[in-house]
């Protein structure tokens, strides 16, 4: 009895290939992220124009500061989307940075004196946890580095180039066997 290839659906007898479906879905996700990047860029331009307009009128420091911090949040979100497009994974460090800036923006907009003591304690706790998470992210090597087994990652690299080549050849043969026929 011949085993079914893992890359094929059982019910369609090689008409639906998982690899092509995943590749097409990843391309569609990339398209969505690109549209989001363009939208963020447009919102950033609109906010910058709003800052220029606000600076020409009598200054409301709280309003201008809130707009500037909002633009910084949008820049960080844009950077998060760029990292996703490059690595196809979310950078936890960048996401934590965006969250920290967002929390601080809310404190600046609402004013530290207008926030209740309970909310102040909650914000301090949240910022402490986010700061600890940011330190952990900075100290932990990236999973891409560990799985790549390259010289750039001192944890995973063992210097055995022949073993690495053998694994690459074995992987390429395995991929060739799983390719669709005709």
C-alpha atoms as a PDB file:
ATOM      1  CA  UNK A   1       0.000   0.000   0.000  1.00  0.00           C
ATOM      2  CA  UNK A   2       1.379   3.392  -1.011  1.00  0.00           C
ATOM      3  CA  UNK A   3       1.424   6.197   1.553  1.00  0.00           C
ATOM      4  CA  UNK A   4      -0.309   9.474   0.837  1.00  0.00           C
ATOM      5  CA  UNK A   5       2.040  12.432   0.470  1.00  0.00           C
ATOM      6  CA  UNK A   6       1.697  14.903   3.319  1.00  0.00           C
ATOM      7  CA  UNK A   7       1.527  17.829   0.919  1.00  0.00           C
ATOM      8  CA  UNK A   8      -1.693  16.611  -0.730  1.00  0.00           C
ATOM      9  CA  UNK A   9      -5.282  16.614   0.409  1.00  0.00           C
ATOM     10  CA  UNK A  10      -6.757  13.142   0.626  1.00  0.00           C
ATOM     11  CA  UNK A  11     -10.131  13.914  -0.959  1.00  0.00           C
ATOM     12  CA  UNK A  12      -9.002  15.561  -4.204  1.00  0.00           C
ATOM     13  CA  UNK A  13      -6.390  13.105  -5.438  1.00  0.00           C
ATOM     14  CA  UNK A  14      -3.569  15.573  -6.171  1.00  0.00           C
ATOM     15  CA  UNK A  15      -5.697  18.401  -7.538  1.00  0.00           C
ATOM     16  CA  UNK A  16      -5.217  20.616  -4.506  1.00  0.00           C
ATOM     17  CA  UNK A  17      -1.616  21.054  -3.479  1.00  0.00           C
ATOM     18  CA  UNK A  18      -1.068  22.395   0.039  1.00  0.00           C
ATOM     19  CA  UNK A  19       2.159  24.128  -0.926  1.00  0.00           C
ATOM     20  CA  UNK A  20       0.514  26.137  -3.696  1.00  0.00           C
ATOM     21  CA  UNK A  21      -2.464  26.987  -1.466  1.00  0.00           C
ATOM     22  CA  UNK A  22      -0.164  28.192   1.327  1.00  0.00           C
ATOM     23  CA  UNK A  23       1.976  30.140  -1.156  1.00  0.00           C
ATOM     24  CA  UNK A  24      -1.120  31.834  -2.620  1.00  0.00           C
ATOM     25  CA  UNK A  25      -2.530  32.632   0.817  1.00  0.00           C
ATOM     26  CA  UNK A  26       0.806  34.131   1.881  1.00  0.00           C
ATOM     27  CA  UNK A  27       0.804  36.297  -1.246  1.00  0.00           C
ATOM     28  CA  UNK A  28      -2.738  37.431  -0.432  1.00  0.00           C
ATOM     29  CA  UNK A  29      -1.699  38.243   3.155  1.00  0.00           C
ATOM     30  CA  UNK A  30       1.251  40.223   1.826  1.00  0.00           C
ATOM     31  CA  UNK A  31      -1.144  42.175  -0.395  1.00  0.00           C
ATOM     32  CA  UNK A  32      -3.340  42.960   2.625  1.00  0.00           C
ATOM     33  CA  UNK A  33      -0.303  44.120   4.619  1.00  0.00           C
ATOM     34  CA  UNK A  34       0.844  46.310   1.713  1.00  0.00           C
ATOM     35  CA  UNK A  35      -2.613  47.934   1.545  1.00  0.00           C
ATOM     36  CA  UNK A  36      -2.449  48.509   5.313  1.00  0.00           C
ATOM     37  CA  UNK A  37       1.008  50.088   4.910  1.00  0.00           C
ATOM     38  CA  UNK A  38      -0.276  52.440   2.229  1.00  0.00           C
ATOM     39  CA  UNK A  39      -3.263  53.348   4.414  1.00  0.00           C
ATOM     40  CA  UNK A  40      -1.006  54.021   7.402  1.00  0.00           C
ATOM     41  CA  UNK A  41       1.240  56.161   5.237  1.00  0.00           C
ATOM     42  CA  UNK A  42      -1.764  58.194   4.064  1.00  0.00           C
ATOM     43  CA  UNK A  43      -2.976  58.667   7.651  1.00  0.00           C
ATOM     44  CA  UNK A  44       0.534  59.767   8.670  1.00  0.00           C
ATOM     45  CA  UNK A  45       0.559  62.401   5.915  1.00  0.00           C
ATOM     46  CA  UNK A  46      -2.879  63.647   6.967  1.00  0.00           C
ATOM     47  CA  UNK A  47      -1.750  63.862  10.607  1.00  0.00           C
ATOM     48  CA  UNK A  48       1.427  65.715   9.628  1.00  0.00           C
ATOM     49  CA  UNK A  49      -0.669  68.202   7.673  1.00  0.00           C
ATOM     50  CA  UNK A  50      -2.871  68.585  10.768  1.00  0.00           C
ATOM     51  CA  UNK A  51       0.229  69.314  12.872  1.00  0.00           C
ATOM     52  CA  UNK A  52       1.347  71.986  10.398  1.00  0.00           C
ATOM     53  CA  UNK A  53      -2.129  73.556  10.510  1.00  0.00           C
ATOM     54  CA  UNK A  54      -2.186  73.385  14.334  1.00  0.00           C
ATOM     55  CA  UNK A  55       1.196  75.126  14.537  1.00  0.00           C
ATOM     56  CA  UNK A  56      -0.056  78.067  12.450  1.00  0.00           C
ATOM     57  CA  UNK A  57      -2.946  78.705  14.849  1.00  0.00           C
ATOM     58  CA  UNK A  58      -2.748  79.626  18.555  1.00  0.00           C
ATOM     59  CA  UNK A  59      -0.907  76.744  20.202  1.00  0.00           C
ATOM     60  CA  UNK A  60      -2.759  74.128  22.198  1.00  0.00           C
ATOM     61  CA  UNK A  61       0.208  72.161  23.499  1.00  0.00           C
ATOM     62  CA  UNK A  62      -1.822  69.174  24.587  1.00  0.00           C
ATOM     63  CA  UNK A  63      -3.448  68.877  21.149  1.00  0.00           C
ATOM     64  CA  UNK A  64      -0.159  69.251  19.218  1.00  0.00           C
ATOM     65  CA  UNK A  65       1.660  66.815  21.512  1.00  0.00           C
ATOM     66  CA  UNK A  66      -1.128  64.263  21.105  1.00  0.00           C
ATOM     67  CA  UNK A  67      -0.903  64.563  17.315  1.00  0.00           C
ATOM     68  CA  UNK A  68       2.891  64.175  17.355  1.00  0.00           C
ATOM     69  CA  UNK A  69       2.690  61.101  19.591  1.00  0.00           C
ATOM     70  CA  UNK A  70      -0.037  59.673  17.342  1.00  0.00           C
ATOM     71  CA  UNK A  71       2.281  60.066  14.330  1.00  0.00           C
ATOM     72  CA  UNK A  72       5.020  58.260  16.293  1.00  0.00           C
ATOM     73  CA  UNK A  73       2.590  55.422  17.017  1.00  0.00           C
ATOM     74  CA  UNK A  74       1.730  55.224  13.316  1.00  0.00           C
ATOM     75  CA  UNK A  75       5.444  55.124  12.447  1.00  0.00           C
ATOM     76  CA  UNK A  76       5.945  52.228  14.869  1.00  0.00           C
ATOM     77  CA  UNK A  77       2.951  50.376  13.415  1.00  0.00           C
ATOM     78  CA  UNK A  78       4.348  50.968   9.933  1.00  0.00           C
ATOM     79  CA  UNK A  79       7.670  49.502  11.114  1.00  0.00           C
ATOM     80  CA  UNK A  80       5.829  46.510  12.588  1.00  0.00           C
ATOM     81  CA  UNK A  81       4.160  45.863   9.229  1.00  0.00           C
ATOM     82  CA  UNK A  82       7.511  46.194   7.426  1.00  0.00           C
ATOM     83  CA  UNK A  83       9.039  43.593   9.747  1.00  0.00           C
ATOM     84  CA  UNK A  84       6.073  41.322   9.023  1.00  0.00           C
ATOM     85  CA  UNK A  85       6.552  41.698   5.270  1.00  0.00           C
ATOM     86  CA  UNK A  86      10.242  40.832   5.559  1.00  0.00           C
ATOM     87  CA  UNK A  87      10.094  37.972   8.055  1.00  0.00           C
ATOM     88  CA  UNK A  88       6.446  36.810   7.912  1.00  0.00           C
ATOM     89  CA  UNK A  89       6.265  36.982  11.676  1.00  0.00           C
ATOM     90  CA  UNK A  90       5.310  39.659  14.146  1.00  0.00           C
ATOM     91  CA  UNK A  91       8.183  41.234  16.033  1.00  0.00           C
ATOM     92  CA  UNK A  92       7.186  41.111  19.695  1.00  0.00           C
ATOM     93  CA  UNK A  93       9.738  43.788  20.577  1.00  0.00           C
ATOM     94  CA  UNK A  94       8.294  46.279  18.097  1.00  0.00           C
ATOM     95  CA  UNK A  95       4.734  45.451  19.213  1.00  0.00           C
ATOM     96  CA  UNK A  96       5.713  46.108  22.842  1.00  0.00           C
ATOM     97  CA  UNK A  97       7.316  49.419  21.835  1.00  0.00           C
ATOM     98  CA  UNK A  98       4.101  50.455  20.062  1.00  0.00           C
ATOM     99  CA  UNK A  99       2.083  49.564  23.149  1.00  0.00           C
ATOM    100  CA  UNK A 100       4.381  51.546  25.455  1.00  0.00           C
ATOM    101  CA  UNK A 101       4.182  54.633  23.245  1.00  0.00           C
ATOM    102  CA  UNK A 102       0.382  54.255  23.029  1.00  0.00           C
ATOM    103  CA  UNK A 103      -0.001  54.074  26.810  1.00  0.00           C
ATOM    104  CA  UNK A 104       2.265  57.068  27.291  1.00  0.00           C
ATOM    105  CA  UNK A 105       0.296  59.010  24.676  1.00  0.00           C
ATOM    106  CA  UNK A 106      -2.905  58.409  26.587  1.00  0.00           C
ATOM    107  CA  UNK A 107      -1.249  59.640  29.783  1.00  0.00           C
ATOM    108  CA  UNK A 108      -0.035  62.786  28.012  1.00  0.00           C
ATOM    109  CA  UNK A 109      -3.388  63.448  26.338  1.00  0.00           C
ATOM    110  CA  UNK A 110      -5.471  62.987  29.478  1.00  0.00           C
ATOM    111  CA  UNK A 111      -2.920  64.504  31.827  1.00  0.00           C
ATOM    112  CA  UNK A 112      -1.264  62.705  34.705  1.00  0.00           C
ATOM    113  CA  UNK A 113      -3.197  64.746  37.274  1.00  0.00           C
ATOM    114  CA  UNK A 114      -6.611  63.904  35.788  1.00  0.00           C
ATOM    115  CA  UNK A 115      -6.126  60.133  36.047  1.00  0.00           C
ATOM    116  CA  UNK A 116      -7.458  58.388  39.165  1.00  0.00           C
ATOM    117  CA  UNK A 117      -4.983  56.698  41.543  1.00  0.00           C
ATOM    118  CA  UNK A 118      -6.336  53.268  40.593  1.00  0.00           C
ATOM    119  CA  UNK A 119      -5.764  53.958  36.888  1.00  0.00           C
ATOM    120  CA  UNK A 120      -2.302  55.352  37.644  1.00  0.00           C
ATOM    121  CA  UNK A 121      -1.388  52.148  39.497  1.00  0.00           C
ATOM    122  CA  UNK A 122      -2.749  50.046  36.619  1.00  0.00           C
ATOM    123  CA  UNK A 123      -0.785  52.078  34.056  1.00  0.00           C
ATOM    124  CA  UNK A 124       2.394  51.778  36.150  1.00  0.00           C
ATOM    125  CA  UNK A 125       1.903  48.016  36.420  1.00  0.00           C
ATOM    126  CA  UNK A 126       1.281  47.714  32.680  1.00  0.00           C
ATOM    127  CA  UNK A 127       4.357  49.788  31.850  1.00  0.00           C
ATOM    128  CA  UNK A 128       6.466  47.716  34.259  1.00  0.00           C
ATOM    129  CA  UNK A 129       5.303  44.455  32.654  1.00  0.00           C
ATOM    130  CA  UNK A 130       5.830  45.827  29.145  1.00  0.00           C
ATOM    131  CA  UNK A 131       9.306  47.048  30.121  1.00  0.00           C
ATOM    132  CA  UNK A 132      10.192  43.597  31.480  1.00  0.00           C
ATOM    133  CA  UNK A 133       8.862  41.997  28.296  1.00  0.00           C
ATOM    134  CA  UNK A 134      10.949  44.405  26.216  1.00  0.00           C
ATOM    135  CA  UNK A 135      14.087  43.454  28.191  1.00  0.00           C
ATOM    136  CA  UNK A 136      13.310  39.750  27.755  1.00  0.00           C
ATOM    137  CA  UNK A 137      12.813  40.249  24.000  1.00  0.00           C
ATOM    138  CA  UNK A 138      16.140  42.078  23.772  1.00  0.00           C
ATOM    139  CA  UNK A 139      17.992  39.336  25.664  1.00  0.00           C
ATOM    140  CA  UNK A 140      16.381  36.357  23.897  1.00  0.00           C
ATOM    141  CA  UNK A 141      17.859  35.334  20.541  1.00  0.00           C
ATOM    142  CA  UNK A 142      15.431  35.269  17.665  1.00  0.00           C
ATOM    143  CA  UNK A 143      14.001  31.929  16.600  1.00  0.00           C
ATOM    144  CA  UNK A 144      14.999  32.643  12.993  1.00  0.00           C
ATOM    145  CA  UNK A 145      18.606  32.908  14.110  1.00  0.00           C
ATOM    146  CA  UNK A 146      18.468  29.616  15.999  1.00  0.00           C
ATOM    147  CA  UNK A 147      16.781  27.704  13.179  1.00  0.00           C
ATOM    148  CA  UNK A 148      19.118  29.132  10.499  1.00  0.00           C
ATOM    149  CA  UNK A 149      22.241  27.580  12.080  1.00  0.00           C
ATOM    150  CA  UNK A 150      24.556  30.237  10.636  1.00  0.00           C
ATOM    151  CA  UNK A 151      27.713  31.963  11.826  1.00  0.00           C
ATOM    152  CA  UNK A 152      25.667  35.057  12.633  1.00  0.00           C
ATOM    153  CA  UNK A 153      23.918  33.128  15.386  1.00  0.00           C
ATOM    154  CA  UNK A 154      26.563  32.010  17.876  1.00  0.00           C
ATOM    155  CA  UNK A 155      24.106  29.797  19.748  1.00  0.00           C
ATOM    156  CA  UNK A 156      23.222  27.449  16.894  1.00  0.00           C
ATOM    157  CA  UNK A 157      26.358  27.445  14.759  1.00  0.00           C
ATOM    158  CA  UNK A 158      28.503  24.415  15.370  1.00  0.00           C
ATOM    159  CA  UNK A 159      30.956  24.892  12.498  1.00  0.00           C
ATOM    160  CA  UNK A 160      30.080  21.614  10.807  1.00  0.00           C
ATOM    161  CA  UNK A 161      29.685  22.787   7.196  1.00  0.00           C
ATOM    162  CA  UNK A 162      29.623  19.306   5.670  1.00  0.00           C
ATOM    163  CA  UNK A 163      26.754  18.292   7.946  1.00  0.00           C
ATOM    164  CA  UNK A 164      24.885  21.457   6.935  1.00  0.00           C
ATOM    165  CA  UNK A 165      25.384  20.706   3.206  1.00  0.00           C
ATOM    166  CA  UNK A 166      24.190  17.128   3.703  1.00  0.00           C
ATOM    167  CA  UNK A 167      21.031  18.357   5.409  1.00  0.00           C
ATOM    168  CA  UNK A 168      20.402  20.848   2.571  1.00  0.00           C
ATOM    169  CA  UNK A 169      20.820  18.137  -0.089  1.00  0.00           C
ATOM    170  CA  UNK A 170      18.558  15.798   1.840  1.00  0.00           C
ATOM    171  CA  UNK A 171      15.919  18.545   2.188  1.00  0.00           C
ATOM    172  CA  UNK A 172      16.067  19.442  -1.519  1.00  0.00           C
ATOM    173  CA  UNK A 173      15.634  15.773  -2.497  1.00  0.00           C
ATOM    174  CA  UNK A 174      12.681  15.491  -0.163  1.00  0.00           C
ATOM    175  CA  UNK A 175      11.130  18.612  -1.722  1.00  0.00           C
ATOM    176  CA  UNK A 176      11.664  17.239  -5.243  1.00  0.00           C
ATOM    177  CA  UNK A 177       9.886  13.990  -4.307  1.00  0.00           C
ATOM    178  CA  UNK A 178       6.868  15.925  -3.000  1.00  0.00           C
ATOM    179  CA  UNK A 179       6.435  18.057  -6.155  1.00  0.00           C
ATOM    180  CA  UNK A 180       3.233  17.504  -8.156  1.00  0.00           C
ATOM    181  CA  UNK A 181       3.450  15.313 -11.218  1.00  0.00           C
ATOM    182  CA  UNK A 182       3.296  16.887 -14.697  1.00  0.00           C
END
